[in-house]
N, C-alpha and C. Protein backbone atom coordinates (compact mmCIF):
# COMPACT_ATOMS: atom_id res chain seq x y z
N MET A 1 19.65 12.34 21.33
CA MET A 1 18.92 12.34 20.15
C MET A 1 18.57 11.08 19.49
N SER A 2 17.19 11.01 19.14
CA SER A 2 16.61 10.37 18.86
C SER A 2 16.94 9.67 17.36
N ASN A 3 17.00 8.49 16.98
CA ASN A 3 17.30 8.05 15.47
C ASN A 3 16.10 8.18 15.02
N ARG A 4 15.04 8.10 15.42
CA ARG A 4 13.79 7.92 14.77
C ARG A 4 13.49 9.24 13.94
N SER A 5 13.80 10.35 14.40
CA SER A 5 13.97 11.52 13.34
C SER A 5 14.74 11.61 12.40
N HIS A 6 15.75 10.85 12.49
CA HIS A 6 16.70 10.66 11.26
C HIS A 6 16.57 9.57 10.43
N ARG A 7 15.76 8.89 10.49
CA ARG A 7 15.56 7.73 9.42
C ARG A 7 15.57 8.11 7.87
N ALA A 8 15.83 6.96 7.07
CA ALA A 8 15.99 7.32 5.69
C ALA A 8 14.45 7.47 5.10
N ALA A 9 14.11 8.59 4.42
CA ALA A 9 12.96 8.83 3.72
C ALA A 9 12.58 7.43 2.73
N PRO A 10 11.52 7.04 2.77
CA PRO A 10 11.14 5.83 1.86
C PRO A 10 11.68 5.90 0.60
N GLU A 11 11.94 4.94 -0.22
CA GLU A 11 11.90 4.89 -1.78
C GLU A 11 10.98 4.53 -2.36
N HIS A 12 10.68 4.88 -3.47
CA HIS A 12 9.40 4.84 -4.27
C HIS A 12 9.67 4.62 -5.62
N THR A 13 8.90 3.56 -6.32
CA THR A 13 9.13 3.33 -7.52
C THR A 13 8.03 3.99 -8.42
N HIS A 14 8.17 4.55 -9.27
CA HIS A 14 6.67 5.15 -10.01
C HIS A 14 6.12 3.88 -10.82
N PRO A 15 4.89 4.10 -10.71
CA PRO A 15 4.05 2.78 -11.36
C PRO A 15 4.39 2.70 -13.05
N ASP A 16 4.90 3.67 -13.70
CA ASP A 16 5.27 3.62 -15.20
C ASP A 16 6.52 2.45 -14.92
N ASP A 17 7.06 2.48 -14.11
CA ASP A 17 8.51 1.58 -14.14
C ASP A 17 8.61 0.23 -13.39
N VAL A 18 7.03 -0.07 -13.38
CA VAL A 18 6.74 -1.41 -12.35
C VAL A 18 6.32 -2.19 -13.68
N PRO A 19 6.85 -3.56 -13.69
CA PRO A 19 6.22 -4.63 -14.65
C PRO A 19 4.80 -5.27 -14.13
N VAL A 20 4.11 -5.57 -14.95
CA VAL A 20 2.69 -6.22 -14.27
C VAL A 20 2.63 -7.58 -13.46
N GLN A 21 3.75 -8.02 -13.31
CA GLN A 21 3.93 -9.11 -12.76
C GLN A 21 4.47 -8.94 -11.62
N THR A 22 4.75 -7.89 -11.28
CA THR A 22 5.46 -6.86 -9.59
C THR A 22 4.03 -6.68 -9.24
N ALA A 23 3.32 -5.81 -9.92
CA ALA A 23 1.99 -5.39 -9.51
C ALA A 23 1.14 -6.67 -8.80
N LEU A 24 0.72 -7.64 -9.80
CA LEU A 24 0.06 -8.44 -9.44
C LEU A 24 0.84 -9.27 -8.26
N ALA A 25 1.88 -9.58 -8.26
CA ALA A 25 2.42 -10.22 -7.00
C ALA A 25 2.19 -9.45 -5.78
N ALA A 26 2.13 -7.98 -5.78
CA ALA A 26 2.21 -7.47 -4.72
C ALA A 26 0.90 -7.46 -4.12
N LEU A 27 -0.28 -7.30 -5.00
CA LEU A 27 -1.61 -7.47 -4.89
C LEU A 27 -1.95 -9.17 -4.30
N ALA A 28 -1.26 -9.98 -4.74
CA ALA A 28 -1.91 -11.06 -4.42
C ALA A 28 -1.74 -11.94 -2.80
N ASP A 29 -0.71 -10.94 -2.21
CA ASP A 29 -0.79 -11.12 -0.49
C ASP A 29 -1.63 -10.52 -0.21
N PRO A 30 -2.50 -11.46 0.83
CA PRO A 30 -3.86 -11.08 1.39
C PRO A 30 -3.56 -9.72 2.37
N VAL A 31 -2.18 -9.52 3.23
CA VAL A 31 -1.98 -8.58 3.88
C VAL A 31 -1.85 -7.33 3.24
N ARG A 32 -1.07 -7.44 2.19
CA ARG A 32 -0.71 -6.39 1.22
C ARG A 32 -2.39 -5.84 0.68
N LEU A 33 -2.87 -6.60 0.48
CA LEU A 33 -4.29 -6.37 -0.51
C LEU A 33 -5.09 -5.60 0.72
N GLN A 34 -4.97 -6.05 2.02
CA GLN A 34 -5.87 -5.39 2.82
C GLN A 34 -5.48 -3.90 3.25
N LEU A 35 -4.07 -3.64 2.99
CA LEU A 35 -3.48 -2.32 3.12
C LEU A 35 -4.10 -1.64 2.17
N VAL A 36 -4.17 -1.97 1.00
CA VAL A 36 -4.75 -1.34 -0.21
C VAL A 36 -5.99 -1.00 -0.15
N ARG A 37 -6.85 -1.84 0.31
CA ARG A 37 -8.28 -1.78 0.58
C ARG A 37 -8.57 -0.80 1.48
N GLU A 38 -7.84 -0.50 2.77
CA GLU A 38 -7.88 0.52 3.79
C GLU A 38 -7.49 1.50 3.13
N LEU A 39 -6.49 1.87 2.32
CA LEU A 39 -6.03 3.05 1.81
C LEU A 39 -6.81 3.69 0.73
N ALA A 40 -7.55 2.76 0.05
CA ALA A 40 -8.63 3.19 -1.12
C ALA A 40 -9.85 3.87 -0.29
N THR A 41 -10.12 3.60 0.80
CA THR A 41 -11.21 4.10 1.47
C THR A 41 -10.85 5.40 2.53
N THR A 42 -9.70 5.75 2.58
CA THR A 42 -9.49 6.83 3.43
C THR A 42 -8.78 8.09 2.38
N ALA A 43 -8.72 9.36 2.94
CA ALA A 43 -8.06 10.24 2.15
C ALA A 43 -6.52 10.07 2.35
N ASP A 44 -5.95 10.71 1.07
CA ASP A 44 -4.57 10.89 1.14
C ASP A 44 -3.68 11.34 2.28
N TRP A 45 -2.81 10.68 2.83
CA TRP A 45 -1.89 11.06 3.96
C TRP A 45 -2.73 11.17 5.56
N GLU A 46 -3.71 10.28 5.59
CA GLU A 46 -4.61 10.12 6.49
C GLU A 46 -4.29 9.09 7.39
N HIS A 47 -3.95 7.91 6.49
CA HIS A 47 -3.37 6.72 7.82
C HIS A 47 -1.98 6.52 7.94
N THR A 48 -1.72 6.61 9.26
CA THR A 48 -0.42 6.61 9.54
C THR A 48 0.02 4.79 9.70
N CYS A 49 1.13 4.51 9.46
CA CYS A 49 1.74 3.00 9.33
C CYS A 49 0.87 2.18 10.64
N GLY A 50 1.01 2.78 11.90
CA GLY A 50 0.50 1.95 12.91
C GLY A 50 -1.07 1.78 13.06
N THR A 51 -2.17 2.35 12.08
CA THR A 51 -3.40 2.51 12.24
C THR A 51 -3.83 1.50 11.36
N PHE A 52 -3.32 0.39 10.66
CA PHE A 52 -3.87 -0.50 9.62
C PHE A 52 -4.25 -1.81 10.65
N ASP A 53 -5.33 -2.25 10.22
CA ASP A 53 -5.95 -3.55 10.89
C ASP A 53 -5.71 -4.69 10.11
N VAL A 54 -4.27 -5.13 10.43
CA VAL A 54 -3.82 -6.23 9.74
C VAL A 54 -2.97 -7.00 10.98
N PRO A 55 -3.14 -8.53 10.82
CA PRO A 55 -2.47 -9.42 11.82
C PRO A 55 -1.31 -9.67 11.68
N VAL A 56 -0.10 -8.69 11.48
CA VAL A 56 1.11 -8.82 11.51
C VAL A 56 1.94 -7.91 12.47
N GLY A 57 3.12 -8.12 12.85
CA GLY A 57 3.94 -7.33 13.79
C GLY A 57 4.57 -6.12 12.77
N LYS A 58 5.45 -5.22 13.21
CA LYS A 58 5.96 -4.25 12.83
C LYS A 58 6.97 -4.37 11.60
N ALA A 59 7.92 -5.59 11.97
CA ALA A 59 8.81 -5.88 10.92
C ALA A 59 8.13 -6.40 9.73
N ALA A 60 7.06 -7.25 9.87
CA ALA A 60 6.49 -7.57 8.77
C ALA A 60 5.72 -6.57 8.00
N LEU A 61 4.94 -5.68 8.67
CA LEU A 61 4.12 -4.70 8.03
C LEU A 61 5.21 -3.66 7.35
N SER A 62 6.36 -3.43 7.97
CA SER A 62 7.34 -2.52 7.28
C SER A 62 7.73 -3.23 5.95
N HIS A 63 7.88 -4.60 5.75
CA HIS A 63 8.17 -5.31 4.69
C HIS A 63 7.37 -5.22 3.52
N HIS A 64 5.81 -5.29 4.06
CA HIS A 64 4.76 -5.28 3.32
C HIS A 64 4.64 -3.73 2.41
N PHE A 65 4.92 -2.92 3.32
CA PHE A 65 4.83 -1.35 2.82
C PHE A 65 5.95 -1.31 1.82
N SER A 66 7.32 -1.83 2.19
CA SER A 66 8.09 -2.01 0.91
C SER A 66 7.77 -2.62 -0.17
N VAL A 67 6.93 -3.56 -0.19
CA VAL A 67 6.67 -4.42 -1.40
C VAL A 67 5.87 -3.30 -2.26
N LEU A 68 4.66 -2.89 -1.42
CA LEU A 68 3.76 -1.93 -1.95
C LEU A 68 4.53 -0.78 -2.75
N ARG A 69 5.56 -0.22 -2.06
CA ARG A 69 6.08 1.03 -2.68
C ARG A 69 6.90 0.67 -3.92
N ALA A 70 7.42 -0.63 -3.88
CA ALA A 70 8.44 -1.28 -5.17
C ALA A 70 7.37 -1.30 -6.45
N ALA A 71 6.01 -1.69 -5.93
CA ALA A 71 5.29 -1.96 -6.95
C ALA A 71 4.32 -0.70 -7.47
N GLY A 72 4.83 0.64 -7.08
CA GLY A 72 3.98 1.85 -7.25
C GLY A 72 2.91 2.10 -6.76
N LEU A 73 2.42 1.08 -5.75
CA LEU A 73 1.02 1.31 -5.36
C LEU A 73 1.17 2.32 -4.24
N ILE A 74 1.98 2.31 -3.31
CA ILE A 74 2.04 3.41 -2.47
C ILE A 74 2.94 4.42 -2.30
N GLU A 75 2.65 5.74 -1.76
CA GLU A 75 3.64 6.57 -1.62
C GLU A 75 3.63 6.87 -0.02
N GLN A 76 4.60 6.82 0.36
CA GLN A 76 4.79 7.08 2.12
C GLN A 76 5.86 8.61 2.40
N ARG A 77 5.58 9.20 3.39
CA ARG A 77 6.15 10.53 3.70
C ARG A 77 6.18 10.34 5.45
N ASP A 78 7.39 11.01 5.85
CA ASP A 78 7.44 11.27 7.44
C ASP A 78 6.74 12.70 7.76
N MET A 79 5.68 12.51 8.71
CA MET A 79 5.48 13.69 9.09
C MET A 79 5.48 13.63 10.69
N GLY A 80 6.46 14.52 11.45
CA GLY A 80 7.20 14.34 12.54
C GLY A 80 7.53 12.85 12.67
N PRO A 81 7.34 12.38 13.78
CA PRO A 81 7.61 10.90 14.17
C PRO A 81 6.81 9.89 13.44
N LYS A 82 5.68 10.36 12.71
CA LYS A 82 4.67 9.05 12.14
C LYS A 82 5.10 9.29 10.77
N ARG A 83 4.81 8.26 9.90
CA ARG A 83 4.99 7.82 8.85
C ARG A 83 3.35 7.86 8.18
N VAL A 84 2.88 8.34 6.89
CA VAL A 84 1.57 8.44 6.62
C VAL A 84 1.65 8.04 4.97
N ASN A 85 0.56 7.47 4.88
CA ASN A 85 0.48 6.77 3.71
C ASN A 85 -0.60 7.36 2.51
N ARG A 86 -0.18 7.02 1.12
CA ARG A 86 -1.29 7.04 0.24
C ARG A 86 -1.08 6.51 -0.75
N LEU A 87 -2.67 5.76 -1.41
CA LEU A 87 -2.34 5.14 -2.34
C LEU A 87 -2.30 5.57 -3.83
N ARG A 88 -1.20 5.27 -4.43
CA ARG A 88 -1.23 6.00 -5.77
C ARG A 88 -1.94 5.64 -6.88
N ARG A 89 -3.31 5.76 -6.61
CA ARG A 89 -4.45 5.61 -7.48
C ARG A 89 -4.41 5.99 -8.75
N PRO A 90 -3.92 7.31 -8.86
CA PRO A 90 -4.19 8.00 -10.15
C PRO A 90 -3.05 7.41 -11.42
N GLU A 91 -1.73 7.21 -10.56
CA GLU A 91 -0.73 6.86 -11.41
C GLU A 91 -0.65 5.55 -11.61
N PHE A 92 -0.97 4.93 -10.77
CA PHE A 92 -1.33 3.25 -11.09
C PHE A 92 -2.23 3.09 -11.87
N ASP A 93 -3.43 3.62 -11.82
CA ASP A 93 -4.74 3.52 -12.90
C ASP A 93 -4.30 3.74 -14.30
N GLN A 94 -3.35 4.50 -14.18
CA GLN A 94 -2.80 5.42 -15.61
C GLN A 94 -1.95 4.04 -16.42
N ARG A 95 -1.29 3.43 -15.44
CA ARG A 95 -0.29 2.31 -15.98
C ARG A 95 -0.97 1.17 -15.88
N PHE A 96 -1.93 0.92 -15.09
CA PHE A 96 -2.55 -0.51 -15.13
C PHE A 96 -4.00 -0.24 -15.21
N PRO A 97 -4.80 0.23 -16.16
CA PRO A 97 -6.25 0.43 -16.10
C PRO A 97 -7.28 -0.45 -15.89
N GLY A 98 -7.86 -0.04 -14.63
CA GLY A 98 -8.86 -1.28 -14.17
C GLY A 98 -8.65 -2.01 -13.34
N LEU A 99 -7.04 -2.45 -13.05
CA LEU A 99 -6.79 -3.20 -12.38
C LEU A 99 -7.07 -3.07 -10.64
N LEU A 100 -6.99 -1.82 -10.39
CA LEU A 100 -7.25 -1.82 -8.84
C LEU A 100 -9.05 -1.63 -8.88
N ASP A 101 -9.76 -1.24 -9.66
CA ASP A 101 -11.21 -1.34 -9.57
C ASP A 101 -11.29 -2.87 -9.38
N LEU A 102 -10.79 -3.71 -10.23
CA LEU A 102 -11.26 -5.02 -10.35
C LEU A 102 -10.79 -5.81 -8.74
N VAL A 103 -9.72 -5.50 -8.46
CA VAL A 103 -9.19 -5.96 -7.04
C VAL A 103 -10.12 -5.36 -5.82
N LEU A 104 -10.42 -4.15 -5.87
CA LEU A 104 -11.44 -3.75 -4.97
C LEU A 104 -12.73 -4.03 -5.03
N ARG A 105 -13.12 -4.51 -6.41
CA ARG A 105 -14.77 -4.86 -6.53
C ARG A 105 -14.59 -6.27 -6.11
N ASP A 106 -13.67 -6.85 -6.34
CA ASP A 106 -13.45 -8.59 -6.17
C ASP A 106 -14.40 -8.63 -4.64
N ARG A 107 -13.61 -7.96 -3.63
CA ARG A 107 -14.13 -8.07 -2.11
C ARG A 107 -15.53 -7.96 -2.35
N ARG A 108 -16.26 -7.12 -2.91
CA ARG A 108 -17.72 -6.78 -2.55
C ARG A 108 -18.40 -7.84 -3.23
N GLU A 109 -18.00 -8.27 -4.67
CA GLU A 109 -18.76 -9.29 -5.25
C GLU A 109 -18.41 -10.88 -4.64
N SER A 110 -17.19 -10.79 -4.11
CA SER A 110 -17.28 -12.35 -3.46
C SER A 110 -17.57 -12.62 -1.98
N GLY A 111 -17.80 -11.37 -1.38
CA GLY A 111 -18.08 -11.47 0.28
C GLY A 111 -16.62 -11.91 0.96
N GLU A 112 -16.52 -11.64 2.18
CA GLU A 112 -15.61 -11.83 3.05
C GLU A 112 -15.66 -13.16 3.66
N ASN A 113 -16.73 -14.05 3.67
CA ASN A 113 -16.68 -15.31 3.85
C ASN A 113 -16.58 -16.56 3.42
N GLU A 114 -16.00 -16.35 2.10
CA GLU A 114 -15.93 -17.42 1.19
C GLU A 114 -14.75 -18.37 1.57
N ARG A 115 -14.05 -18.39 2.57
CA ARG A 115 -12.97 -19.38 2.87
C ARG A 115 -13.13 -19.97 3.96
């Protein structure tokens, strides 16, 4: 019997319980910001954990997902052997109006080649 099918469900923090500093810290990391940006362009529950285009290994990616869950930014659930993701945009926008719009707009305005 595989342990994969018996892994613990991820713990989530509701955005109402998140201090602004936690939200800002989660969005300040370039990898986490890329995860949020990718989720913002896809339908809920469409992106599995292994399909993100980020330059980190599985352990680091797991850590980044944990930080995003703790900041109330994402929700994850298991569908068979895969874990799928959803950006908690409506809930997060209610708690921090305009913050995600600003973060997502910043990429378009500043361009990708500024560094």
